[in-house]
Amino acid sequence: MRFVVLGLLLVAFGVLYLRRPTLYRRGLWLKTSVAIRVLSEANYKRYIRALGAILVLAGSCLVIYGVFTLIRA
């Protein structure tokens, strides 16, 4: 059950990154994030979208693994 919940959480953050890539580009994040300071606006959006896709993929794998372990138990 933990894998399913963790996977759904990763999918939720991944979708959030895909839908709003500039969400964390303000306030304290603007001064502390290396990616925000080094990358241009377009490259930063591309980076965050790629990170979101990776999170969705990893979360989906965890959900599938968690469901299979629940079925086998």
C-alpha atoms as a PDB file:
ATOM      1  CA  MET A   1       0.000   0.000   0.000  1.00  0.00           C
ATOM      2  CA  ARG A   2       2.919   2.342   0.693  1.00  0.00           C
ATOM      3  CA  PHE A   3       4.191   1.969  -2.853  1.00  0.00           C
ATOM      4  CA  VAL A   4       0.802   2.913  -4.260  1.00  0.00           C
ATOM      5  CA  VAL A   5       0.538   6.027  -2.104  1.00  0.00           C
ATOM      6  CA  LEU A   6       4.123   7.075  -2.851  1.00  0.00           C
ATOM      7  CA  GLY A   7       3.556   6.442  -6.554  1.00  0.00           C
ATOM      8  CA  LEU A   8       0.395   8.540  -6.588  1.00  0.00           C
ATOM      9  CA  LEU A   9       2.252  11.327  -4.804  1.00  0.00           C
ATOM     10  CA  LEU A  10       5.033  11.236  -7.398  1.00  0.00           C
ATOM     11  CA  VAL A  11       2.487  11.264 -10.216  1.00  0.00           C
ATOM     12  CA  ALA A  12       0.726  14.254  -8.653  1.00  0.00           C
ATOM     13  CA  PHE A  13       3.961  16.250  -8.391  1.00  0.00           C
ATOM     14  CA  GLY A  14       4.946  15.196 -11.908  1.00  0.00           C
ATOM     15  CA  VAL A  15       1.640  16.407 -13.334  1.00  0.00           C
ATOM     16  CA  LEU A  16       2.016  19.636 -11.380  1.00  0.00           C
ATOM     17  CA  TYR A  17       5.483  20.158 -12.892  1.00  0.00           C
ATOM     18  CA  LEU A  18       4.142  19.395 -16.363  1.00  0.00           C
ATOM     19  CA  ARG A  19       1.175  21.743 -16.056  1.00  0.00           C
ATOM     20  CA  ARG A  20       2.901  24.660 -14.276  1.00  0.00           C
ATOM     21  CA  PRO A  21       6.666  24.531 -14.856  1.00  0.00           C
ATOM     22  CA  THR A  22       7.236  28.056 -13.493  1.00  0.00           C
ATOM     23  CA  LEU A  23       5.435  27.418 -10.206  1.00  0.00           C
ATOM     24  CA  TYR A  24       8.612  27.520  -8.112  1.00  0.00           C
ATOM     25  CA  ARG A  25      10.291  30.333 -10.040  1.00  0.00           C
ATOM     26  CA  ARG A  26       9.613  33.005  -7.414  1.00  0.00           C
ATOM     27  CA  GLY A  27      10.460  34.033  -3.863  1.00  0.00           C
ATOM     28  CA  LEU A  28      12.978  32.008  -1.892  1.00  0.00           C
ATOM     29  CA  TRP A  29      13.326  29.418  -4.676  1.00  0.00           C
ATOM     30  CA  LEU A  30      14.624  32.122  -7.009  1.00  0.00           C
ATOM     31  CA  LYS A  31      17.651  32.684  -4.765  1.00  0.00           C
ATOM     32  CA  THR A  32      18.379  29.106  -3.674  1.00  0.00           C
ATOM     33  CA  SER A  33      17.796  26.962  -6.768  1.00  0.00           C
ATOM     34  CA  VAL A  34      20.874  26.468  -8.907  1.00  0.00           C
ATOM     35  CA  ALA A  35      18.766  25.481 -11.914  1.00  0.00           C
ATOM     36  CA  ILE A  36      16.792  28.727 -11.760  1.00  0.00           C
ATOM     37  CA  ARG A  37      19.929  30.869 -11.524  1.00  0.00           C
ATOM     38  CA  VAL A  38      21.955  29.064 -14.203  1.00  0.00           C
ATOM     39  CA  LEU A  39      19.401  28.136 -16.865  1.00  0.00           C
ATOM     40  CA  SER A  40      17.519  30.513 -19.125  1.00  0.00           C
ATOM     41  CA  GLU A  41      13.727  30.712 -18.905  1.00  0.00           C
ATOM     42  CA  ALA A  42      13.163  28.359 -21.864  1.00  0.00           C
ATOM     43  CA  ASN A  43      15.768  25.839 -20.709  1.00  0.00           C
ATOM     44  CA  TYR A  44      14.409  25.933 -17.163  1.00  0.00           C
ATOM     45  CA  LYS A  45      10.895  25.120 -18.428  1.00  0.00           C
ATOM     46  CA  ARG A  46      12.299  22.267 -20.516  1.00  0.00           C
ATOM     47  CA  TYR A  47      14.216  20.945 -17.480  1.00  0.00           C
ATOM     48  CA  ILE A  48      11.172  21.067 -15.195  1.00  0.00           C
ATOM     49  CA  ARG A  49       8.935  19.418 -17.788  1.00  0.00           C
ATOM     50  CA  ALA A  50      11.472  16.609 -18.225  1.00  0.00           C
ATOM     51  CA  LEU A  51      11.649  16.230 -14.454  1.00  0.00           C
ATOM     52  CA  GLY A  52       7.840  16.088 -14.346  1.00  0.00           C
ATOM     53  CA  ALA A  53       7.762  13.365 -17.004  1.00  0.00           C
ATOM     54  CA  ILE A  54      10.345  11.351 -15.055  1.00  0.00           C
ATOM     55  CA  LEU A  55       8.295  11.726 -11.858  1.00  0.00           C
ATOM     56  CA  VAL A  56       5.121  10.581 -13.635  1.00  0.00           C
ATOM     57  CA  LEU A  57       6.935   7.566 -15.082  1.00  0.00           C
ATOM     58  CA  ALA A  58       8.517   6.609 -11.750  1.00  0.00           C
ATOM     59  CA  GLY A  59       5.219   7.108  -9.915  1.00  0.00           C
ATOM     60  CA  SER A  60       3.357   4.969 -12.430  1.00  0.00           C
ATOM     61  CA  CYS A  61       5.913   2.189 -12.021  1.00  0.00           C
ATOM     62  CA  LEU A  62       5.544   2.353  -8.237  1.00  0.00           C
ATOM     63  CA  VAL A  63       1.748   2.214  -8.474  1.00  0.00           C
ATOM     64  CA  ILE A  64       1.883  -0.818 -10.773  1.00  0.00           C
ATOM     65  CA  TYR A  65       4.417  -2.532  -8.501  1.00  0.00           C
ATOM     66  CA  GLY A  66       2.310  -1.747  -5.422  1.00  0.00           C
ATOM     67  CA  VAL A  67      -0.861  -3.098  -7.020  1.00  0.00           C
ATOM     68  CA  PHE A  68       0.889  -6.321  -8.019  1.00  0.00           C
ATOM     69  CA  THR A  69       2.261  -6.808  -4.508  1.00  0.00           C
ATOM     70  CA  LEU A  70      -1.225  -6.239  -3.071  1.00  0.00           C
ATOM     71  CA  ILE A  71      -2.727  -8.778  -5.477  1.00  0.00           C
ATOM     72  CA  ARG A  72      -0.079 -11.406  -4.693  1.00  0.00           C
ATOM     73  CA  ALA A  73      -0.399 -10.985  -0.917  1.00  0.00           C
END
